[in-house]
Amino acid sequence: MAITIRHMEDTDMDGLCDIYSISSVLENTSQFMHLGSKRIGQLFSSSDLITLVADLDGRAVGHVTLFTRQKPKEKHIASTAIAVHPEFHGRGVGSMLMAEAIDLSDNWLNVLRLELEVNTDNAPAIALYRKFGFGLEGEKKMATFKSGQYADLYLMARLASWHQV
């Protein structure tokens, strides 16, 4: 029962719908409750993104998505989003997904800057990002609505390991 990381397929929509039906996952994203399979499919259908899934026996138990940029002056930047089914928290799934996304960014996509936003109270996610070299760049006050109140977001980013300062 080994988890593998691979490119998302259409058959992964059920697993992704399952992940995004859980309120504890949704409260740490920019999405809202009751998305439905059609909306979730739309979230992952853009040609400007690459989604990898953590596969356990044909079931998507997590994903990481890279949002690439098409503007000529921003092609060196990508944003990322990640979600793992709560049943698999603390089992290294997030680390596996993030390691693969960074390898893809650094060694295949020529991405210099990988950035993200994270709720300031999401300590496990912040620890994961720091583990992979993301640094805190700023804070957006009352930037999102979470559990009935406004919440702050951190802006975090990492520069590719091949970049020389």
C-alpha atoms as a PDB file:
ATOM      1  CA  MET A   1       0.000   0.000   0.000  1.00  0.00           C
ATOM      2  CA  ALA A   2       2.468   2.616  -1.256  1.00  0.00           C
ATOM      3  CA  ILE A   3       1.544   6.137  -2.206  1.00  0.00           C
ATOM      4  CA  THR A   4       2.825   7.301  -5.581  1.00  0.00           C
ATOM      5  CA  ILE A   5       2.855  10.779  -7.088  1.00  0.00           C
ATOM      6  CA  ARG A   6       1.631  11.104 -10.654  1.00  0.00           C
ATOM      7  CA  HIS A   7      -0.084  13.504 -13.051  1.00  0.00           C
ATOM      8  CA  MET A   8      -3.812  13.988 -12.456  1.00  0.00           C
ATOM      9  CA  GLU A   9      -6.201  12.055 -14.695  1.00  0.00           C
ATOM     10  CA  ASP A  10      -9.935  12.550 -15.286  1.00  0.00           C
ATOM     11  CA  THR A  11     -10.534   9.448 -13.154  1.00  0.00           C
ATOM     12  CA  ASP A  12      -9.154  11.351 -10.111  1.00  0.00           C
ATOM     13  CA  MET A  13     -12.172  13.674  -9.903  1.00  0.00           C
ATOM     14  CA  ASP A  14     -13.977  11.434  -7.379  1.00  0.00           C
ATOM     15  CA  GLY A  15     -10.991  11.526  -5.024  1.00  0.00           C
ATOM     16  CA  LEU A  16     -10.604  15.293  -5.403  1.00  0.00           C
ATOM     17  CA  CYS A  17     -14.347  15.782  -4.825  1.00  0.00           C
ATOM     18  CA  ASP A  18     -14.007  13.722  -1.661  1.00  0.00           C
ATOM     19  CA  ILE A  19     -11.128  15.893  -0.419  1.00  0.00           C
ATOM     20  CA  TYR A  20     -12.978  19.129  -1.196  1.00  0.00           C
ATOM     21  CA  SER A  21     -16.170  17.942   0.518  1.00  0.00           C
ATOM     22  CA  ILE A  22     -14.459  18.133   3.926  1.00  0.00           C
ATOM     23  CA  SER A  23     -14.938  21.415   5.778  1.00  0.00           C
ATOM     24  CA  SER A  24     -11.548  21.250   7.530  1.00  0.00           C
ATOM     25  CA  VAL A  25      -9.910  21.177   4.093  1.00  0.00           C
ATOM     26  CA  LEU A  26     -12.087  23.911   2.615  1.00  0.00           C
ATOM     27  CA  GLU A  27     -11.534  26.351   5.472  1.00  0.00           C
ATOM     28  CA  ASN A  28      -7.850  26.490   4.516  1.00  0.00           C
ATOM     29  CA  THR A  29      -8.527  27.182   0.832  1.00  0.00           C
ATOM     30  CA  SER A  30     -10.130  30.007  -1.112  1.00  0.00           C
ATOM     31  CA  GLN A  31     -13.026  27.715  -2.071  1.00  0.00           C
ATOM     32  CA  PHE A  32     -16.475  27.465  -0.484  1.00  0.00           C
ATOM     33  CA  MET A  33     -18.683  24.595   0.691  1.00  0.00           C
ATOM     34  CA  HIS A  34     -20.783  22.431  -1.644  1.00  0.00           C
ATOM     35  CA  LEU A  35     -18.673  22.881  -4.754  1.00  0.00           C
ATOM     36  CA  GLY A  36     -19.953  19.851  -6.635  1.00  0.00           C
ATOM     37  CA  SER A  37     -18.078  17.729  -9.126  1.00  0.00           C
ATOM     38  CA  LYS A  38     -18.659  20.110 -12.049  1.00  0.00           C
ATOM     39  CA  ARG A  39     -17.068  23.054 -10.206  1.00  0.00           C
ATOM     40  CA  ILE A  40     -14.170  20.941  -8.966  1.00  0.00           C
ATOM     41  CA  GLY A  41     -13.595  19.727 -12.518  1.00  0.00           C
ATOM     42  CA  GLN A  42     -13.472  23.341 -13.681  1.00  0.00           C
ATOM     43  CA  LEU A  43     -10.914  24.193 -10.994  1.00  0.00           C
ATOM     44  CA  PHE A  44      -8.508  21.630 -12.422  1.00  0.00           C
ATOM     45  CA  SER A  45      -9.180  22.032 -16.162  1.00  0.00           C
ATOM     46  CA  SER A  46      -7.172  25.148 -17.075  1.00  0.00           C
ATOM     47  CA  SER A  47      -4.260  24.726 -19.473  1.00  0.00           C
ATOM     48  CA  ASP A  48      -2.221  27.103 -17.254  1.00  0.00           C
ATOM     49  CA  LEU A  49      -1.948  24.573 -14.444  1.00  0.00           C
ATOM     50  CA  ILE A  50      -0.315  21.280 -13.706  1.00  0.00           C
ATOM     51  CA  THR A  51      -1.844  19.028 -11.062  1.00  0.00           C
ATOM     52  CA  LEU A  52      -0.125  16.066  -9.467  1.00  0.00           C
ATOM     53  CA  VAL A  53      -1.989  13.630  -7.228  1.00  0.00           C
ATOM     54  CA  ALA A  54      -0.934  11.352  -4.411  1.00  0.00           C
ATOM     55  CA  ASP A  55      -2.311   7.990  -5.499  1.00  0.00           C
ATOM     56  CA  LEU A  56      -3.108   5.176  -3.090  1.00  0.00           C
ATOM     57  CA  ASP A  57      -4.402   2.120  -4.926  1.00  0.00           C
ATOM     58  CA  GLY A  58      -6.122   4.245  -7.586  1.00  0.00           C
ATOM     59  CA  ARG A  59      -7.552   6.780  -5.127  1.00  0.00           C
ATOM     60  CA  ALA A  60      -6.378  10.409  -5.145  1.00  0.00           C
ATOM     61  CA  VAL A  61      -5.692  11.207  -1.476  1.00  0.00           C
ATOM     62  CA  GLY A  62      -4.020  14.562  -2.096  1.00  0.00           C
ATOM     63  CA  HIS A  63      -2.954  16.952  -4.808  1.00  0.00           C
ATOM     64  CA  VAL A  64      -0.574  19.783  -5.521  1.00  0.00           C
ATOM     65  CA  THR A  65      -1.275  22.212  -8.333  1.00  0.00           C
ATOM     66  CA  LEU A  66       1.147  24.561 -10.051  1.00  0.00           C
ATOM     67  CA  PHE A  67      -0.405  27.649 -11.624  1.00  0.00           C
ATOM     68  CA  THR A  68       1.936  28.872 -14.341  1.00  0.00           C
ATOM     69  CA  ARG A  69       1.945  32.394 -15.751  1.00  0.00           C
ATOM     70  CA  GLN A  70       1.579  33.381 -19.383  1.00  0.00           C
ATOM     71  CA  LYS A  71       2.548  37.059 -19.156  1.00  0.00           C
ATOM     72  CA  PRO A  72       6.012  37.445 -20.745  1.00  0.00           C
ATOM     73  CA  LYS A  73       7.474  39.214 -17.709  1.00  0.00           C
ATOM     74  CA  GLU A  74       6.081  36.603 -15.280  1.00  0.00           C
ATOM     75  CA  LYS A  75       6.797  33.274 -16.989  1.00  0.00           C
ATOM     76  CA  HIS A  76       9.448  32.556 -14.362  1.00  0.00           C
ATOM     77  CA  ILE A  77       6.795  32.531 -11.594  1.00  0.00           C
ATOM     78  CA  ALA A  78       4.305  29.859 -10.560  1.00  0.00           C
ATOM     79  CA  SER A  79       1.873  29.692  -7.666  1.00  0.00           C
ATOM     80  CA  THR A  80       1.015  26.511  -5.831  1.00  0.00           C
ATOM     81  CA  ALA A  81      -1.898  25.031  -3.921  1.00  0.00           C
ATOM     82  CA  ILE A  82      -1.986  21.755  -2.033  1.00  0.00           C
ATOM     83  CA  ALA A  83      -4.605  19.693  -0.221  1.00  0.00           C
ATOM     84  CA  VAL A  84      -4.395  16.307   1.477  1.00  0.00           C
ATOM     85  CA  HIS A  85      -7.302  14.225   2.703  1.00  0.00           C
ATOM     86  CA  PRO A  86      -7.386  14.474   6.534  1.00  0.00           C
ATOM     87  CA  GLU A  87      -7.153  10.664   6.832  1.00  0.00           C
ATOM     88  CA  PHE A  88      -3.620  11.010   5.446  1.00  0.00           C
ATOM     89  CA  HIS A  89      -2.388  14.015   7.430  1.00  0.00           C
ATOM     90  CA  GLY A  90       0.907  13.377   9.208  1.00  0.00           C
ATOM     91  CA  ARG A  91       1.898  10.514   6.901  1.00  0.00           C
ATOM     92  CA  GLY A  92       4.286  12.445   4.640  1.00  0.00           C
ATOM     93  CA  VAL A  93       1.838  12.869   1.758  1.00  0.00           C
ATOM     94  CA  GLY A  94       2.191  16.664   1.746  1.00  0.00           C
ATOM     95  CA  SER A  95       5.980  16.337   1.747  1.00  0.00           C
ATOM     96  CA  MET A  96       5.894  13.878  -1.148  1.00  0.00           C
ATOM     97  CA  LEU A  97       3.639  16.189  -3.156  1.00  0.00           C
ATOM     98  CA  MET A  98       5.686  19.309  -2.380  1.00  0.00           C
ATOM     99  CA  ALA A  99       8.994  17.589  -3.210  1.00  0.00           C
ATOM    100  CA  GLU A 100       7.663  16.509  -6.596  1.00  0.00           C
ATOM    101  CA  ALA A 101       6.186  19.943  -7.340  1.00  0.00           C
ATOM    102  CA  ILE A 102       9.509  21.617  -6.516  1.00  0.00           C
ATOM    103  CA  ASP A 103      11.439  19.131  -8.654  1.00  0.00           C
ATOM    104  CA  LEU A 104       9.059  19.810 -11.523  1.00  0.00           C
ATOM    105  CA  SER A 105       9.327  23.589 -11.026  1.00  0.00           C
ATOM    106  CA  ASP A 106      13.117  23.714 -10.661  1.00  0.00           C
ATOM    107  CA  ASN A 107      14.193  21.076 -13.170  1.00  0.00           C
ATOM    108  CA  TRP A 108      11.519  20.915 -15.858  1.00  0.00           C
ATOM    109  CA  LEU A 109       9.479  24.122 -15.952  1.00  0.00           C
ATOM    110  CA  ASN A 110      12.306  26.637 -15.432  1.00  0.00           C
ATOM    111  CA  VAL A 111      10.345  28.286 -12.616  1.00  0.00           C
ATOM    112  CA  LEU A 112      12.552  30.619 -10.597  1.00  0.00           C
ATOM    113  CA  ARG A 113       9.935  31.779  -8.086  1.00  0.00           C
ATOM    114  CA  LEU A 114       7.317  29.510  -6.523  1.00  0.00           C
ATOM    115  CA  GLU A 115       4.800  31.354  -4.351  1.00  0.00           C
ATOM    116  CA  LEU A 116       1.706  30.688  -2.263  1.00  0.00           C
ATOM    117  CA  GLU A 117      -0.739  32.110   0.258  1.00  0.00           C
ATOM    118  CA  VAL A 118      -1.545  30.341   3.529  1.00  0.00           C
ATOM    119  CA  ASN A 119      -3.843  31.107   6.451  1.00  0.00           C
ATOM    120  CA  THR A 120      -1.750  32.509   9.298  1.00  0.00           C
ATOM    121  CA  ASP A 121      -3.268  29.986  11.731  1.00  0.00           C
ATOM    122  CA  ASN A 122      -2.442  26.944   9.580  1.00  0.00           C
ATOM    123  CA  ALA A 123       0.702  25.912  11.477  1.00  0.00           C
ATOM    124  CA  PRO A 124       1.104  22.450   9.847  1.00  0.00           C
ATOM    125  CA  ALA A 125       1.038  23.944   6.339  1.00  0.00           C
ATOM    126  CA  ILE A 126       3.422  26.745   7.290  1.00  0.00           C
ATOM    127  CA  ALA A 127       5.842  24.172   8.729  1.00  0.00           C
ATOM    128  CA  LEU A 128       5.635  22.136   5.507  1.00  0.00           C
ATOM    129  CA  TYR A 129       6.393  25.180   3.376  1.00  0.00           C
ATOM    130  CA  ARG A 130       9.309  26.250   5.568  1.00  0.00           C
ATOM    131  CA  LYS A 131      10.704  22.702   5.345  1.00  0.00           C
ATOM    132  CA  PHE A 132      10.888  23.178   1.582  1.00  0.00           C
ATOM    133  CA  GLY A 133      12.569  26.588   1.692  1.00  0.00           C
ATOM    134  CA  PHE A 134       9.593  28.923   1.502  1.00  0.00           C
ATOM    135  CA  GLY A 135      10.129  32.186   3.335  1.00  0.00           C
ATOM    136  CA  LEU A 136       7.611  34.635   4.717  1.00  0.00           C
ATOM    137  CA  GLU A 137       7.313  37.713   2.486  1.00  0.00           C
ATOM    138  CA  GLY A 138       4.296  39.480   3.908  1.00  0.00           C
ATOM    139  CA  GLU A 139       0.894  39.341   5.513  1.00  0.00           C
ATOM    140  CA  LYS A 140      -2.479  40.241   4.047  1.00  0.00           C
ATOM    141  CA  LYS A 141      -4.822  41.421   6.796  1.00  0.00           C
ATOM    142  CA  MET A 142      -8.442  40.220   6.657  1.00  0.00           C
ATOM    143  CA  ALA A 143      -7.776  38.769   3.204  1.00  0.00           C
ATOM    144  CA  THR A 144     -10.101  35.796   3.427  1.00  0.00           C
ATOM    145  CA  PHE A 145     -13.289  34.696   5.171  1.00  0.00           C
ATOM    146  CA  LYS A 146     -12.932  31.565   7.301  1.00  0.00           C
ATOM    147  CA  SER A 147     -15.356  29.959   9.746  1.00  0.00           C
ATOM    148  CA  GLY A 148     -17.587  33.026   9.931  1.00  0.00           C
ATOM    149  CA  GLN A 149     -14.904  35.663  10.351  1.00  0.00           C
ATOM    150  CA  TYR A 150     -12.191  37.460   8.431  1.00  0.00           C
ATOM    151  CA  ALA A 151      -8.732  35.913   8.584  1.00  0.00           C
ATOM    152  CA  ASP A 152      -5.208  36.896   7.624  1.00  0.00           C
ATOM    153  CA  LEU A 153      -2.987  35.248   5.021  1.00  0.00           C
ATOM    154  CA  TYR A 154       0.773  34.941   4.813  1.00  0.00           C
ATOM    155  CA  LEU A 155       2.506  35.408   1.486  1.00  0.00           C
ATOM    156  CA  MET A 156       5.342  32.902   1.141  1.00  0.00           C
ATOM    157  CA  ALA A 157       7.771  32.131  -1.676  1.00  0.00           C
ATOM    158  CA  ARG A 158      10.928  30.224  -2.515  1.00  0.00           C
ATOM    159  CA  LEU A 159      13.527  30.795  -5.196  1.00  0.00           C
ATOM    160  CA  ALA A 160      14.789  27.842  -7.194  1.00  0.00           C
ATOM    161  CA  SER A 161      17.883  26.137  -5.824  1.00  0.00           C
ATOM    162  CA  TRP A 162      19.779  26.902  -9.048  1.00  0.00           C
ATOM    163  CA  HIS A 163      19.282  30.660  -8.611  1.00  0.00           C
ATOM    164  CA  GLN A 164      22.412  32.541  -7.586  1.00  0.00           C
ATOM    165  CA  VAL A 165      21.828  35.641  -5.466  1.00  0.00           C
END
